[in-house]
Amino acid sequence: MTDGSGYSVEERAAAALTLLRTWASDIETAQEHPGAEWTLDADARLLGVADCDEDAEIWAHYLGIDLTRTGTGTLSGQLDYTPDGPFGPVIPVVLTSK
């Protein structure tokens, strides 16, 4: 299965893991944007769960994600992230607060 740009799930997963490693190795980013646990699902989507609304808002600002309040009271938003620009793989990023 490919996204609209022709990249497979495996290629998107590899790009997503590289992105996670970049965030993890960037000490400044890690210090400024704590409080979220990131996982990669079978469809190569990055799923972030922030510890609280404030941490979700910090990550949303960093990534450019618009958050909305859900019916259960959590914040949630998503974005198709293109770390390599318009010609690279599209990585769906979903962010929610606890």
C-alpha atoms as a PDB file:
ATOM      1  CA  MET A   1       0.000   0.000   0.000  1.00  0.00           C
ATOM      2  CA  THR A   2       1.326   3.432  -0.918  1.00  0.00           C
ATOM      3  CA  ASP A   3       0.411   6.975  -0.020  1.00  0.00           C
ATOM      4  CA  GLY A   4      -0.481   9.607  -2.599  1.00  0.00           C
ATOM      5  CA  SER A   5       3.197  10.167  -3.370  1.00  0.00           C
ATOM      6  CA  GLY A   6       3.820   6.487  -4.110  1.00  0.00           C
ATOM      7  CA  TYR A   7       5.672   5.486  -0.924  1.00  0.00           C
ATOM      8  CA  SER A   8       5.001   2.124   0.702  1.00  0.00           C
ATOM      9  CA  VAL A   9       4.087   1.585   4.343  1.00  0.00           C
ATOM     10  CA  GLU A  10       7.617   0.272   4.916  1.00  0.00           C
ATOM     11  CA  GLU A  11       9.185   3.397   3.411  1.00  0.00           C
ATOM     12  CA  ARG A  12       6.923   5.661   5.460  1.00  0.00           C
ATOM     13  CA  ALA A  13       7.698   3.630   8.596  1.00  0.00           C
ATOM     14  CA  ALA A  14      11.434   4.000   8.000  1.00  0.00           C
ATOM     15  CA  ALA A  15      11.017   7.759   7.549  1.00  0.00           C
ATOM     16  CA  ALA A  16       8.871   7.968  10.690  1.00  0.00           C
ATOM     17  CA  LEU A  17      11.452   6.091  12.752  1.00  0.00           C
ATOM     18  CA  THR A  18      14.173   8.402  11.463  1.00  0.00           C
ATOM     19  CA  LEU A  19      12.012  11.353  12.468  1.00  0.00           C
ATOM     20  CA  LEU A  20      11.523   9.922  15.973  1.00  0.00           C
ATOM     21  CA  ARG A  21      15.257   9.317  16.330  1.00  0.00           C
ATOM     22  CA  THR A  22      15.920  12.907  15.260  1.00  0.00           C
ATOM     23  CA  TRP A  23      13.507  14.253  17.876  1.00  0.00           C
ATOM     24  CA  ALA A  24      14.988  11.952  20.546  1.00  0.00           C
ATOM     25  CA  SER A  25      18.590  12.867  19.748  1.00  0.00           C
ATOM     26  CA  ASP A  26      17.912  16.588  19.642  1.00  0.00           C
ATOM     27  CA  ILE A  27      18.549  17.494  23.274  1.00  0.00           C
ATOM     28  CA  GLU A  28      17.008  20.941  22.874  1.00  0.00           C
ATOM     29  CA  THR A  29      13.817  19.474  21.412  1.00  0.00           C
ATOM     30  CA  ALA A  30      13.680  16.792  24.111  1.00  0.00           C
ATOM     31  CA  GLN A  31      14.087  19.379  26.862  1.00  0.00           C
ATOM     32  CA  GLU A  32      11.596  21.846  25.372  1.00  0.00           C
ATOM     33  CA  HIS A  33       8.992  19.247  24.372  1.00  0.00           C
ATOM     34  CA  PRO A  34       8.773  16.603  27.090  1.00  0.00           C
ATOM     35  CA  GLY A  35       5.755  14.665  28.156  1.00  0.00           C
ATOM     36  CA  ALA A  36       4.690  12.648  25.127  1.00  0.00           C
ATOM     37  CA  GLU A  37       5.007   8.975  24.302  1.00  0.00           C
ATOM     38  CA  TRP A  38       5.353   8.254  20.590  1.00  0.00           C
ATOM     39  CA  THR A  39       4.560   4.951  18.879  1.00  0.00           C
ATOM     40  CA  LEU A  40       4.399   3.796  15.281  1.00  0.00           C
ATOM     41  CA  ASP A  41       1.344   1.791  14.214  1.00  0.00           C
ATOM     42  CA  ALA A  42       1.028  -0.832  11.456  1.00  0.00           C
ATOM     43  CA  ASP A  43      -0.017   1.835   8.930  1.00  0.00           C
ATOM     44  CA  ALA A  44       3.145   3.890   9.608  1.00  0.00           C
ATOM     45  CA  ARG A  45       1.293   6.577  11.538  1.00  0.00           C
ATOM     46  CA  LEU A  46       3.085   8.285  14.409  1.00  0.00           C
ATOM     47  CA  LEU A  47       0.797   8.290  17.426  1.00  0.00           C
ATOM     48  CA  GLY A  48       1.674  10.674  20.239  1.00  0.00           C
ATOM     49  CA  VAL A  49       0.013  10.672  23.637  1.00  0.00           C
ATOM     50  CA  ALA A  50       0.909  13.711  25.708  1.00  0.00           C
ATOM     51  CA  ASP A  51       0.914  13.558  29.507  1.00  0.00           C
ATOM     52  CA  CYS A  52      -1.407  16.566  29.812  1.00  0.00           C
ATOM     53  CA  ASP A  53      -3.109  19.295  27.776  1.00  0.00           C
ATOM     54  CA  GLU A  54      -0.169  21.658  28.234  1.00  0.00           C
ATOM     55  CA  ASP A  55       2.326  19.124  26.827  1.00  0.00           C
ATOM     56  CA  ALA A  56      -0.053  18.382  23.942  1.00  0.00           C
ATOM     57  CA  GLU A  57      -0.237  22.097  23.153  1.00  0.00           C
ATOM     58  CA  ILE A  58       3.567  22.410  23.227  1.00  0.00           C
ATOM     59  CA  TRP A  59       3.983  19.493  20.798  1.00  0.00           C
ATOM     60  CA  ALA A  60       1.135  20.777  18.610  1.00  0.00           C
ATOM     61  CA  HIS A  61       2.825  24.164  18.342  1.00  0.00           C
ATOM     62  CA  TYR A  62       6.187  22.538  17.535  1.00  0.00           C
ATOM     63  CA  LEU A  63       4.683  20.335  14.818  1.00  0.00           C
ATOM     64  CA  GLY A  64       2.056  22.734  13.500  1.00  0.00           C
ATOM     65  CA  ILE A  65      -0.929  20.594  14.507  1.00  0.00           C
ATOM     66  CA  ASP A  66      -4.309  22.173  15.231  1.00  0.00           C
ATOM     67  CA  LEU A  67      -5.863  20.612  18.337  1.00  0.00           C
ATOM     68  CA  THR A  68      -9.547  20.372  19.192  1.00  0.00           C
ATOM     69  CA  ARG A  69     -11.290  19.255  22.360  1.00  0.00           C
ATOM     70  CA  THR A  70     -12.938  15.845  21.954  1.00  0.00           C
ATOM     71  CA  GLY A  71     -16.189  14.671  23.501  1.00  0.00           C
ATOM     72  CA  THR A  72     -14.198  12.863  26.195  1.00  0.00           C
ATOM     73  CA  GLY A  73     -12.388  16.066  27.176  1.00  0.00           C
ATOM     74  CA  THR A  74      -8.985  15.300  25.665  1.00  0.00           C
ATOM     75  CA  LEU A  75      -7.179  17.363  23.052  1.00  0.00           C
ATOM     76  CA  SER A  76      -6.621  15.726  19.684  1.00  0.00           C
ATOM     77  CA  GLY A  77      -5.276  16.668  16.281  1.00  0.00           C
ATOM     78  CA  GLN A  78      -3.490  15.282  13.278  1.00  0.00           C
ATOM     79  CA  LEU A  79      -1.239  16.387  10.467  1.00  0.00           C
ATOM     80  CA  ASP A  80       0.320  14.802   7.409  1.00  0.00           C
ATOM     81  CA  TYR A  81       4.006  15.503   8.113  1.00  0.00           C
ATOM     82  CA  THR A  82       6.502  15.633   5.245  1.00  0.00           C
ATOM     83  CA  PRO A  83       9.977  15.761   6.796  1.00  0.00           C
ATOM     84  CA  ASP A  84      11.679  15.489   3.392  1.00  0.00           C
ATOM     85  CA  GLY A  85       9.539  18.129   1.727  1.00  0.00           C
ATOM     86  CA  PRO A  86       6.846  17.684  -0.896  1.00  0.00           C
ATOM     87  CA  PHE A  87       8.651  14.858  -2.694  1.00  0.00           C
ATOM     88  CA  GLY A  88       9.242  12.626   0.324  1.00  0.00           C
ATOM     89  CA  PRO A  89       6.959  10.229   2.150  1.00  0.00           C
ATOM     90  CA  VAL A  90       3.903  11.518   3.982  1.00  0.00           C
ATOM     91  CA  ILE A  91       3.849  10.566   7.671  1.00  0.00           C
ATOM     92  CA  PRO A  92       0.466  10.916   9.360  1.00  0.00           C
ATOM     93  CA  VAL A  93       1.028  12.266  12.892  1.00  0.00           C
ATOM     94  CA  VAL A  94      -1.791  11.954  15.433  1.00  0.00           C
ATOM     95  CA  LEU A  95      -1.447  13.726  18.781  1.00  0.00           C
ATOM     96  CA  THR A  96      -3.773  13.395  21.774  1.00  0.00           C
ATOM     97  CA  SER A  97      -3.630  14.340  25.441  1.00  0.00           C
ATOM     98  CA  LYS A  98      -4.399  11.966  28.292  1.00  0.00           C
END
